[in-house]
Amino acid sequence: MRNLAALVSVSVLLAAVVSARAQEIIRKPLAIGTKIETGQVVKGEPIKSGDDPDKAFLSRIAVSLTQEVTVDQHLEIKTGVGGVFYTVFPDVRGNAGSQGVKFGPGITQAQAAYKFGDVEKPSAILRVGFFPYKYNPDAKNLGEYLLRSMPYPSFTTTGSWSITDAAFVRAQGIQATFFNFDGKLKHDFLLTSERDFRPTGDFTPSYLTEFTAGPFQIGAGISLFHFLPLDGDRLKSRSMGEYSVYHYDAFPAFTVNITPGTFDDTLATPVVHEAGASLTLLSSDLEALRNEHPELAGAIDSLPRDTVEYTTKGIKLMARASFDIQKIVPLSFLGPQDLKIYAEAALLGVENQPGYWEKRSERVPFMVGINLPTFKKLDVLSFEMEYYGSPLPDDQEQVLINNRPIYENYSMLTHSSDNNRHDDWKWSLYASKTVLTGVSLRAQVANDHLRPIDQATTNFSGMTVMRNPRDWYYVVTVNFGI
């Protein structure tokens, strides 16, 4: 309630400032936008239901209406509504609920932004409401890790209800922006209410900064993920039935033979535990261990243990940089963005947690991209590569369904640094071309973190279908609007 009161107070203050200055109101023409997106998953991996996404059809048709009003040049109010027609996965013959086209309406934005000082070069901007936020201007598909990720479980996302041009978030809350050194140094302070990652409603403070000097731009950020919860108990997972986790300071020696699970890409080699070493196990792992080594059952039951309490709360860090050689050597035969190089990295969770998240190096996604030269044939042709060396599944099923920072059908007993390494590398090729005023084409070919829309829940699948190097999809998009 304190967080809500703070948001209301700032909104009232903003309204007071506006009412004191309001003299001229300019209503801009209604903006109408349409996006037609069509593609296919050429090769992908089955989701938990076992359905194979190979040749799955991707289709999104969206329309939006946006009204912008300026009050006394300092206040900008934007509201937008829209809807999207989309297909779901899997498309099962004989199941009418999975076939055909679905429709979902929504609000695209509802924001008010007030500029302090000079309108053309404001000293600060205060934004309140529901608004799109993008801190990395170069990222086309991958990256934008700070706000498109969770620390526990550790995963990042790409795409949304739109697959192309979706490297941003829609934030709900407050953004305060300050400028120094004639705009070269920028500071963003955000207080946002969680919409996309469970538990929803919690408030997250974030700070991001960027500095531009000639051909270089560097940026950094910190996000205190869910540090202002509505209910702190919702962040914790302690008693989870078969998913409960127990830690032993000392455990007797044993050897087990690994049988790879459907979603546990474990190497088929024995696991050897030395006597007296510490061990963290799921409740289901203990049951499996008792079955394979009944002689240990009595010792296991008598050992002292602690129940592990996980939390979804965590500190995320981000750093990025770009270099634009054309700021030094302009090349008239190239497009203005050609040959620009950029990179971004993040740490998804500063604090380690036992069992799953014991190494920070396994929670660091890194992306590098380059705008390839097209000699003005295209607006931009960008290629991005990502390395995320996590041995854990790219899966958020449990946190979506049960608010548990844990993985379904995944054994701690067989967990090793060799697990789930087939999806460490991601790539994306993005092209854009303006055909006429108000009409543009987009194309994207990628192996990224694509999650299909589940036909049963109309939510995004918890598990990505891009889990092997051979997996990829393509999408072609037509945008037009006035």
Protein backbone atom coordinates (compact mmCIF):
# COMPACT_ATOMS: atom_id res chain seq x y z
CA MET A 1 0.00 0.00 0.00
CA ARG A 2 2.95 2.36 0.62
CA ASN A 3 4.08 1.78 -2.96
CA LEU A 4 0.62 2.51 -4.32
CA ALA A 5 0.40 5.65 -2.20
CA ALA A 6 3.73 6.87 -3.56
CA LEU A 7 2.55 6.33 -7.13
CA VAL A 8 -0.69 8.19 -6.47
CA SER A 9 1.19 11.05 -4.78
CA VAL A 10 3.50 11.53 -7.74
CA SER A 11 0.55 11.43 -10.13
CA VAL A 12 -1.28 14.08 -8.11
CA LEU A 13 1.87 16.23 -8.04
CA LEU A 14 2.22 15.92 -11.79
CA ALA A 15 -1.42 16.88 -12.28
CA ALA A 16 -0.93 19.92 -10.04
CA VAL A 17 2.05 21.08 -12.06
CA VAL A 18 0.12 20.65 -15.29
CA SER A 19 -2.99 22.48 -14.06
CA ALA A 20 -0.86 25.43 -13.01
CA ARG A 21 0.67 25.73 -16.48
CA ALA A 22 -2.03 24.46 -18.81
CA GLN A 23 -2.71 27.06 -21.50
CA GLU A 24 -2.51 25.43 -24.90
CA ILE A 25 -3.81 21.99 -25.87
CA ILE A 26 -2.77 20.42 -29.17
CA ARG A 27 -4.43 17.18 -30.22
CA LYS A 28 -2.43 15.35 -32.87
CA PRO A 29 -4.14 13.27 -35.57
CA LEU A 30 -5.18 9.78 -34.53
CA ALA A 31 -2.36 7.36 -35.40
CA ILE A 32 -3.46 4.05 -36.94
CA GLY A 33 -1.01 1.18 -37.21
CA THR A 34 -1.26 -2.33 -38.58
CA LYS A 35 1.21 -5.21 -38.43
CA ILE A 36 0.90 -8.48 -40.33
CA GLU A 37 3.37 -11.13 -39.19
CA THR A 38 3.64 -14.55 -40.85
CA GLY A 39 6.22 -17.30 -40.46
CA GLN A 40 7.01 -20.85 -39.46
CA VAL A 41 9.00 -22.87 -36.95
CA VAL A 42 11.13 -24.86 -39.40
CA LYS A 43 12.73 -27.00 -36.70
CA GLY A 44 12.06 -26.99 -32.96
CA GLU A 45 11.97 -29.16 -29.84
CA PRO A 46 8.83 -30.66 -28.24
CA ILE A 47 7.26 -28.92 -25.26
CA LYS A 48 6.19 -30.80 -22.12
CA SER A 49 3.00 -32.08 -23.75
CA GLY A 50 5.22 -33.90 -26.26
CA ASP A 51 3.86 -31.94 -29.23
CA ASP A 52 6.45 -31.35 -31.96
CA PRO A 53 6.65 -27.73 -33.19
CA ASP A 54 8.29 -28.64 -36.53
CA LYS A 55 6.48 -26.80 -39.34
CA ALA A 56 4.28 -24.96 -36.83
CA PHE A 57 2.58 -21.89 -38.33
CA LEU A 58 3.32 -18.48 -36.81
CA SER A 59 0.79 -15.73 -37.44
CA ARG A 60 0.06 -12.43 -35.70
CA ILE A 61 -2.10 -9.64 -37.14
CA ALA A 62 -2.26 -6.57 -34.95
CA VAL A 63 -3.91 -3.17 -35.18
CA SER A 64 -3.49 -0.18 -32.89
CA LEU A 65 -5.06 3.25 -32.43
CA THR A 66 -3.00 5.87 -30.61
CA GLN A 67 -4.04 9.37 -29.57
CA GLU A 68 -1.43 11.93 -28.48
CA VAL A 69 -2.22 15.26 -26.82
CA THR A 70 0.27 17.99 -25.90
CA VAL A 71 -0.54 20.45 -23.13
CA ASP A 72 1.44 23.70 -23.04
CA GLN A 73 4.25 21.91 -24.92
CA HIS A 74 5.54 20.40 -21.67
CA LEU A 75 3.02 17.63 -21.04
CA GLU A 76 2.53 14.76 -23.48
CA ILE A 77 -0.36 12.36 -22.98
CA LYS A 78 -0.53 9.17 -25.06
CA THR A 79 -3.22 6.53 -24.98
CA GLY A 80 -3.51 3.55 -27.26
CA VAL A 81 -5.72 0.53 -27.72
CA GLY A 82 -5.45 -2.40 -30.08
CA GLY A 83 -5.90 -6.07 -30.66
CA VAL A 84 -4.14 -9.04 -32.18
CA PHE A 85 -5.28 -12.10 -34.13
CA TYR A 86 -2.96 -15.02 -33.43
CA THR A 87 -2.53 -18.76 -33.85
CA VAL A 88 -1.77 -21.14 -30.97
CA PHE A 89 0.36 -24.24 -30.51
CA PRO A 90 -0.17 -27.11 -30.91
CA ASP A 91 -2.61 -27.08 -33.82
CA VAL A 92 -4.13 -30.52 -33.32
CA ARG A 93 -6.31 -32.03 -36.01
CA GLY A 94 -9.65 -32.92 -34.48
CA ASN A 95 -9.27 -30.43 -31.62
CA ALA A 96 -11.35 -27.39 -32.55
CA GLY A 97 -10.00 -25.42 -29.60
CA SER A 98 -6.49 -25.52 -31.01
CA GLN A 99 -7.38 -24.63 -34.58
CA GLY A 100 -8.37 -21.41 -36.24
CA VAL A 101 -7.46 -17.89 -35.19
CA LYS A 102 -7.79 -16.39 -31.71
CA PHE A 103 -8.22 -12.72 -30.84
CA GLY A 104 -7.06 -10.69 -27.88
CA PRO A 105 -7.75 -6.98 -27.22
CA GLY A 106 -5.48 -4.82 -25.10
CA ILE A 107 -4.09 -1.45 -24.15
CA THR A 108 -0.88 -0.55 -25.95
CA GLN A 109 -0.04 2.43 -23.74
CA ALA A 110 -1.58 4.89 -21.29
CA GLN A 111 1.02 7.42 -20.20
CA ALA A 112 1.67 11.02 -19.27
CA ALA A 113 5.15 12.56 -19.59
CA TYR A 114 6.13 16.00 -18.34
CA LYS A 115 9.27 17.78 -19.62
CA PHE A 116 11.06 20.13 -17.25
CA GLY A 117 12.99 23.12 -18.58
CA ASP A 118 13.55 23.62 -22.30
CA VAL A 119 11.12 21.53 -24.36
CA GLU A 120 13.71 20.67 -27.04
CA LYS A 121 16.45 19.84 -24.53
CA PRO A 122 14.72 19.14 -21.20
CA SER A 123 16.70 18.81 -18.01
CA ALA A 124 14.37 16.06 -16.79
CA ILE A 125 11.31 14.06 -17.84
CA LEU A 126 8.77 12.48 -15.50
CA ARG A 127 6.67 9.69 -17.01
CA VAL A 128 3.76 7.94 -15.29
CA GLY A 129 1.51 5.12 -16.47
CA PHE A 130 1.84 2.19 -18.85
CA PHE A 131 4.48 2.76 -21.51
CA PRO A 132 7.01 1.02 -23.77
CA TYR A 133 10.58 1.15 -22.42
CA LYS A 134 13.73 0.28 -24.37
CA TYR A 135 17.19 1.08 -22.99
CA ASN A 136 19.36 -0.53 -25.70
CA PRO A 137 18.69 1.30 -28.99
CA ASP A 138 20.81 -1.18 -30.97
CA ALA A 139 19.24 -4.50 -29.86
CA LYS A 140 16.94 -5.88 -32.56
CA ASN A 141 15.96 -9.20 -30.99
CA LEU A 142 18.43 -10.50 -28.38
CA GLY A 143 19.65 -8.47 -25.40
CA GLU A 144 17.60 -6.07 -23.27
CA TYR A 145 18.39 -8.51 -20.47
CA LEU A 146 17.91 -6.30 -17.43
CA LEU A 147 14.12 -6.11 -17.70
CA ARG A 148 13.36 -9.16 -19.87
CA SER A 149 14.63 -11.80 -17.44
CA MET A 150 14.30 -13.45 -14.04
CA PRO A 151 17.19 -14.28 -11.70
CA TYR A 152 15.64 -17.36 -10.01
CA PRO A 153 14.81 -19.29 -12.10
CA SER A 154 17.42 -17.77 -14.41
CA PHE A 155 16.11 -17.20 -17.91
CA THR A 156 15.74 -14.45 -20.48
CA THR A 157 13.08 -13.90 -23.14
CA THR A 158 12.62 -12.71 -26.71
CA GLY A 159 9.49 -11.71 -28.60
CA SER A 160 6.03 -11.27 -27.17
CA TRP A 161 2.65 -10.90 -28.82
CA SER A 162 4.76 -9.59 -31.67
CA ILE A 163 7.84 -11.60 -32.66
CA THR A 164 9.69 -8.88 -34.60
CA ASP A 165 10.52 -5.43 -33.19
CA ALA A 166 9.81 -6.70 -29.68
CA ALA A 167 13.16 -6.02 -27.96
CA PHE A 168 11.64 -3.85 -25.22
CA VAL A 169 9.25 -4.10 -22.29
CA ARG A 170 5.93 -2.49 -21.51
CA ALA A 171 6.45 -0.97 -18.10
CA GLN A 172 3.79 -0.03 -15.57
CA GLY A 173 4.85 2.59 -13.06
CA ILE A 174 7.05 5.70 -12.93
CA GLN A 175 10.11 6.73 -14.92
CA ALA A 176 12.22 9.77 -14.02
CA THR A 177 14.89 10.73 -16.58
CA PHE A 178 17.67 13.28 -16.01
CA PHE A 179 20.23 14.67 -18.47
CA ASN A 180 23.73 16.06 -17.93
CA PHE A 181 26.50 17.44 -20.15
CA ASP A 182 24.18 18.65 -22.89
CA GLY A 183 22.35 15.32 -23.01
CA LYS A 184 25.44 13.15 -23.34
CA LEU A 185 24.85 11.59 -19.92
CA LYS A 186 21.42 10.14 -19.20
CA HIS A 187 19.96 8.67 -15.99
CA ASP A 188 16.74 6.64 -15.77
CA PHE A 189 15.12 5.85 -12.44
CA LEU A 190 12.19 3.43 -12.63
CA LEU A 191 9.70 2.08 -10.14
CA THR A 192 7.66 -0.54 -11.96
CA SER A 193 4.90 -2.91 -10.96
CA GLU A 194 5.49 -6.45 -12.21
CA ARG A 195 3.24 -7.56 -15.07
CA ASP A 196 5.10 -10.33 -16.91
CA PHE A 197 6.90 -12.43 -14.28
CA ARG A 198 5.39 -14.05 -11.20
CA PRO A 199 4.44 -13.01 -8.64
CA THR A 200 2.71 -10.11 -10.36
CA GLY A 201 2.09 -6.76 -8.68
CA ASP A 202 5.40 -6.52 -6.82
CA PHE A 203 7.40 -3.31 -7.30
CA THR A 204 10.91 -3.28 -8.75
CA PRO A 205 13.22 -0.24 -8.48
CA SER A 206 15.74 0.07 -11.33
CA TYR A 207 18.45 2.50 -12.32
CA LEU A 208 19.98 2.74 -15.80
CA THR A 209 22.53 5.16 -17.21
CA GLU A 210 24.18 5.76 -20.58
CA PHE A 211 26.97 8.03 -21.78
CA THR A 212 27.58 8.99 -25.41
CA ALA A 213 30.89 10.40 -26.62
CA GLY A 214 31.59 10.54 -30.35
CA PRO A 215 31.40 7.02 -31.82
CA PHE A 216 31.08 5.36 -28.41
CA GLN A 217 28.06 4.74 -26.22
CA ILE A 218 28.27 2.85 -22.94
CA GLY A 219 25.48 1.95 -20.57
CA ALA A 220 24.89 0.14 -17.29
CA GLY A 221 22.01 -0.70 -15.02
CA ILE A 222 20.84 -2.37 -11.84
CA SER A 223 17.41 -3.80 -11.11
CA LEU A 224 16.25 -4.76 -7.61
CA PHE A 225 13.87 -7.42 -8.82
CA HIS A 226 10.76 -7.66 -6.60
CA PHE A 227 12.49 -5.83 -3.72
CA LEU A 228 9.21 -4.10 -2.80
CA PRO A 229 6.73 -7.02 -2.69
CA LEU A 230 3.04 -6.83 -1.96
CA ASP A 231 3.45 -9.97 0.14
CA GLY A 232 6.98 -11.15 0.97
CA ASP A 233 5.79 -14.73 1.54
CA ARG A 234 4.85 -15.02 -2.15
CA LEU A 235 8.53 -14.67 -3.07
CA LYS A 236 9.57 -17.73 -1.06
CA SER A 237 9.30 -21.43 -1.71
CA ARG A 238 9.89 -23.76 1.22
CA SER A 239 7.43 -26.62 1.51
CA MET A 240 6.84 -27.78 -2.06
CA GLY A 241 5.86 -31.45 -1.73
CA GLU A 242 7.81 -33.55 -4.23
CA TYR A 243 9.65 -30.37 -5.26
CA SER A 244 10.89 -29.62 -1.73
CA VAL A 245 14.66 -29.20 -1.56
CA TYR A 246 16.85 -30.46 1.31
CA HIS A 247 20.47 -29.67 2.09
CA TYR A 248 22.80 -32.07 3.93
CA ASP A 249 26.12 -30.88 5.32
CA ALA A 250 27.42 -34.46 5.06
CA PHE A 251 26.02 -37.38 3.10
CA PRO A 252 27.16 -41.04 2.74
CA ALA A 253 28.91 -42.24 -0.43
CA PHE A 254 26.85 -43.58 -3.34
CA THR A 255 26.91 -44.10 -7.09
CA VAL A 256 23.87 -43.82 -9.38
CA ASN A 257 23.47 -44.50 -13.08
CA ILE A 258 21.83 -41.63 -14.94
CA THR A 259 18.89 -42.23 -17.21
CA PRO A 260 18.35 -39.06 -19.30
CA GLY A 261 14.89 -37.57 -18.87
CA THR A 262 12.77 -36.00 -21.55
CA PHE A 263 13.71 -32.47 -20.53
CA ASP A 264 16.95 -33.27 -18.70
CA ASP A 265 19.77 -33.52 -21.24
CA THR A 266 22.04 -35.36 -18.84
CA LEU A 267 25.12 -37.24 -20.00
CA ALA A 268 24.64 -41.00 -19.56
CA THR A 269 27.48 -41.48 -17.06
CA PRO A 270 27.38 -42.54 -13.41
CA VAL A 271 27.14 -39.92 -10.65
CA VAL A 272 29.59 -40.59 -7.83
CA HIS A 273 29.19 -38.89 -4.45
CA GLU A 274 32.07 -39.05 -1.98
CA ALA A 275 31.40 -39.85 1.66
CA GLY A 276 30.98 -36.83 3.93
CA ALA A 277 30.53 -34.27 1.14
CA SER A 278 27.59 -31.86 1.30
CA LEU A 279 24.58 -32.50 -0.93
CA THR A 280 21.43 -30.69 -1.99
CA LEU A 281 18.56 -32.82 -3.30
CA LEU A 282 14.92 -32.70 -4.31
CA SER A 283 12.45 -34.78 -2.36
CA SER A 284 11.89 -36.86 -5.51
CA ASP A 285 15.67 -37.38 -5.81
CA LEU A 286 15.78 -38.81 -2.29
CA GLU A 287 13.02 -41.23 -3.18
CA ALA A 288 14.90 -42.34 -6.30
CA LEU A 289 18.09 -42.75 -4.25
CA ARG A 290 16.29 -44.89 -1.67
CA ASN A 291 14.92 -47.12 -4.46
CA GLU A 292 18.34 -47.63 -6.06
CA HIS A 293 20.23 -47.94 -2.76
CA PRO A 294 17.84 -49.36 -0.14
CA GLU A 295 20.80 -49.98 2.15
CA LEU A 296 21.12 -46.19 2.56
CA ALA A 297 17.47 -45.60 3.50
CA GLY A 298 18.04 -45.79 7.24
CA ALA A 299 21.09 -43.53 7.16
CA ILE A 300 19.29 -40.98 4.97
CA ASP A 301 16.31 -40.77 7.35
CA SER A 302 18.59 -40.22 10.36
CA LEU A 303 20.78 -37.51 8.81
CA PRO A 304 20.24 -33.89 9.94
CA ARG A 305 19.10 -31.67 7.09
CA ASP A 306 17.88 -28.17 6.32
CA THR A 307 14.92 -27.35 4.10
CA VAL A 308 16.12 -24.93 1.44
CA GLU A 309 14.11 -21.74 1.13
CA TYR A 310 14.37 -20.22 -2.35
CA THR A 311 13.34 -16.71 -3.33
CA THR A 312 12.48 -15.16 -6.68
CA LYS A 313 13.83 -11.83 -5.42
CA GLY A 314 17.27 -10.89 -6.73
CA ILE A 315 19.65 -8.18 -7.91
CA LYS A 316 20.27 -8.03 -11.67
CA LEU A 317 23.15 -6.10 -13.26
CA MET A 318 23.67 -5.03 -16.88
CA ALA A 319 26.41 -3.43 -18.98
CA ARG A 320 26.41 -2.56 -22.68
CA ALA A 321 28.48 -0.69 -25.26
CA SER A 322 28.42 0.26 -28.93
CA PHE A 323 30.85 1.66 -31.49
CA ASP A 324 29.78 3.53 -34.63
CA ILE A 325 32.75 3.93 -36.97
CA GLN A 326 30.75 6.26 -39.24
CA LYS A 327 30.82 8.88 -36.51
CA ILE A 328 34.57 9.04 -37.23
CA VAL A 329 34.71 8.18 -40.95
CA PRO A 330 31.37 8.90 -42.67
CA LEU A 331 30.84 6.66 -45.69
CA SER A 332 28.27 8.11 -48.08
CA PHE A 333 27.70 4.81 -49.91
CA LEU A 334 26.53 3.10 -46.69
CA GLY A 335 23.40 3.48 -44.64
CA PRO A 336 23.68 5.59 -41.45
CA GLN A 337 23.57 2.50 -39.19
CA ASP A 338 25.85 0.22 -41.24
CA LEU A 339 28.97 -1.23 -39.58
CA LYS A 340 27.81 -0.34 -36.07
CA ILE A 341 28.98 -2.87 -33.48
CA TYR A 342 27.25 -3.37 -30.12
CA ALA A 343 27.28 -5.74 -27.15
CA GLU A 344 25.40 -6.35 -23.91
CA ALA A 345 25.90 -8.61 -20.88
CA ALA A 346 24.03 -9.16 -17.63
CA LEU A 347 24.29 -10.97 -14.32
CA LEU A 348 20.93 -12.52 -13.47
CA GLY A 349 21.16 -12.70 -9.71
CA VAL A 350 24.11 -11.48 -7.66
CA GLU A 351 23.43 -13.85 -4.77
CA ASN A 352 23.94 -17.60 -5.17
CA GLN A 353 21.32 -20.08 -3.97
CA PRO A 354 22.07 -23.75 -3.16
CA GLY A 355 21.30 -26.59 -5.52
CA TYR A 356 20.46 -24.79 -8.73
CA TRP A 357 22.17 -21.37 -8.74
CA GLU A 358 25.58 -21.92 -7.16
CA LYS A 359 27.77 -20.23 -9.82
CA ARG A 360 27.38 -16.63 -10.98
CA SER A 361 29.22 -17.44 -14.21
CA GLU A 362 26.26 -19.66 -15.19
CA ARG A 363 23.85 -16.72 -14.94
CA VAL A 364 25.58 -14.35 -17.41
CA PRO A 365 23.97 -13.98 -20.86
CA PHE A 366 26.17 -12.11 -23.35
CA MET A 367 25.13 -10.71 -26.74
CA VAL A 368 27.15 -9.12 -29.55
CA GLY A 369 25.70 -7.66 -32.74
CA ILE A 370 26.71 -5.89 -35.93
CA ASN A 371 24.77 -3.94 -38.54
CA LEU A 372 26.00 -5.45 -41.79
CA PRO A 373 26.59 -3.17 -44.81
CA THR A 374 23.72 -3.16 -47.35
CA PHE A 375 24.82 -0.12 -49.39
CA LYS A 376 21.46 1.58 -48.76
CA LYS A 377 19.46 -1.33 -50.16
CA LEU A 378 18.00 -1.90 -46.68
CA ASP A 379 17.46 0.37 -43.71
CA VAL A 380 19.28 -2.13 -41.52
CA LEU A 381 20.56 -5.71 -41.67
CA SER A 382 21.59 -6.84 -38.22
CA PHE A 383 23.18 -10.10 -37.05
CA GLU A 384 23.24 -10.93 -33.33
CA MET A 385 24.85 -13.78 -31.41
CA GLU A 386 24.25 -14.74 -27.78
CA TYR A 387 26.09 -17.02 -25.40
CA TYR A 388 24.36 -18.07 -22.18
CA GLY A 389 26.24 -20.95 -20.57
CA SER A 390 23.55 -22.11 -18.18
CA PRO A 391 23.32 -25.83 -17.36
CA LEU A 392 19.67 -25.38 -16.39
CA PRO A 393 16.56 -25.64 -18.59
CA ASP A 394 15.31 -22.51 -20.34
CA ASP A 395 12.05 -23.09 -18.52
CA GLN A 396 9.68 -20.99 -16.41
CA GLU A 397 6.78 -23.44 -16.14
CA GLN A 398 6.78 -23.78 -12.35
CA VAL A 399 7.11 -20.08 -11.68
CA LEU A 400 4.25 -19.39 -14.10
CA ILE A 401 1.91 -21.96 -12.58
CA ASN A 402 2.90 -22.19 -8.91
CA ASN A 403 5.19 -19.20 -8.20
CA ARG A 404 8.00 -21.69 -7.54
CA PRO A 405 11.59 -20.75 -8.48
CA ILE A 406 12.28 -24.31 -9.54
CA TYR A 407 12.13 -26.60 -12.59
CA GLU A 408 9.64 -29.30 -13.48
CA ASN A 409 10.85 -32.81 -14.37
CA TYR A 410 14.43 -31.86 -13.51
CA SER A 411 16.63 -33.82 -11.14
CA MET A 412 19.20 -32.28 -8.81
CA LEU A 413 20.65 -35.74 -8.35
CA THR A 414 21.75 -35.90 -11.98
CA HIS A 415 22.35 -32.21 -12.40
CA SER A 416 25.82 -31.32 -13.67
CA SER A 417 27.54 -28.54 -15.58
CA ASP A 418 27.07 -30.60 -18.78
CA ASN A 419 23.27 -30.43 -18.64
CA ASN A 420 21.28 -28.46 -21.18
CA ARG A 421 24.31 -27.12 -23.03
CA HIS A 422 22.84 -27.58 -26.51
CA ASP A 423 21.08 -24.21 -26.25
CA ASP A 424 24.05 -22.13 -25.03
CA TRP A 425 24.37 -20.31 -28.36
CA LYS A 426 21.59 -18.22 -29.90
CA TRP A 427 21.54 -16.17 -33.11
CA SER A 428 19.26 -13.77 -34.95
CA LEU A 429 19.31 -12.15 -38.41
CA TYR A 430 17.02 -9.10 -38.75
CA ALA A 431 16.29 -6.97 -41.84
CA SER A 432 14.21 -3.83 -42.24
CA LYS A 433 13.22 -1.83 -45.32
CA THR A 434 11.00 1.26 -45.69
CA VAL A 435 9.03 0.83 -48.92
CA LEU A 436 6.87 3.96 -48.87
CA THR A 437 5.93 6.55 -46.31
CA GLY A 438 4.02 4.59 -43.69
CA VAL A 439 4.84 1.19 -45.22
CA SER A 440 7.78 -1.00 -44.19
CA LEU A 441 8.89 -4.62 -44.37
CA ARG A 442 10.64 -6.70 -41.71
CA ALA A 443 12.17 -10.17 -41.80
CA GLN A 444 13.69 -12.21 -38.98
CA VAL A 445 15.38 -15.60 -39.03
CA ALA A 446 16.50 -16.83 -35.63
CA ASN A 447 17.26 -19.46 -33.06
CA ASP A 448 16.35 -17.49 -29.93
CA HIS A 449 14.08 -17.89 -26.88
CA LEU A 450 10.85 -18.30 -28.85
CA ARG A 451 7.96 -19.51 -26.70
CA PRO A 452 4.73 -20.40 -28.53
CA ILE A 453 1.30 -19.40 -27.29
CA ASP A 454 -0.22 -22.44 -25.60
CA GLN A 455 -3.62 -23.44 -26.98
CA ALA A 456 -4.93 -24.60 -23.62
CA THR A 457 -4.12 -21.47 -21.58
CA THR A 458 -3.47 -18.82 -24.28
CA ASN A 459 -0.35 -17.99 -22.25
CA PHE A 460 3.18 -18.32 -23.54
CA SER A 461 4.72 -21.74 -23.03
CA GLY A 462 7.07 -21.96 -20.07
CA MET A 463 9.69 -23.76 -22.15
CA THR A 464 11.30 -22.43 -25.32
CA VAL A 465 11.10 -24.64 -28.42
CA MET A 466 14.58 -23.53 -29.57
CA ARG A 467 16.84 -25.89 -27.58
CA ASN A 468 19.29 -27.27 -30.14
CA PRO A 469 21.66 -25.66 -32.66
CA ARG A 470 19.65 -27.04 -35.59
CA ASP A 471 16.44 -25.29 -34.43
CA TRP A 472 15.27 -22.14 -36.23
CA TYR A 473 12.26 -20.19 -37.44
CA TYR A 474 11.50 -17.34 -39.83
CA VAL A 475 9.02 -14.48 -39.79
CA VAL A 476 8.11 -11.89 -42.43
CA THR A 477 6.28 -8.74 -41.35
CA VAL A 478 4.43 -5.95 -43.15
CA ASN A 479 3.90 -2.72 -41.19
CA PHE A 480 1.74 0.14 -42.39
CA GLY A 481 0.13 3.04 -40.66
CA ILE A 482 -0.56 6.77 -40.64
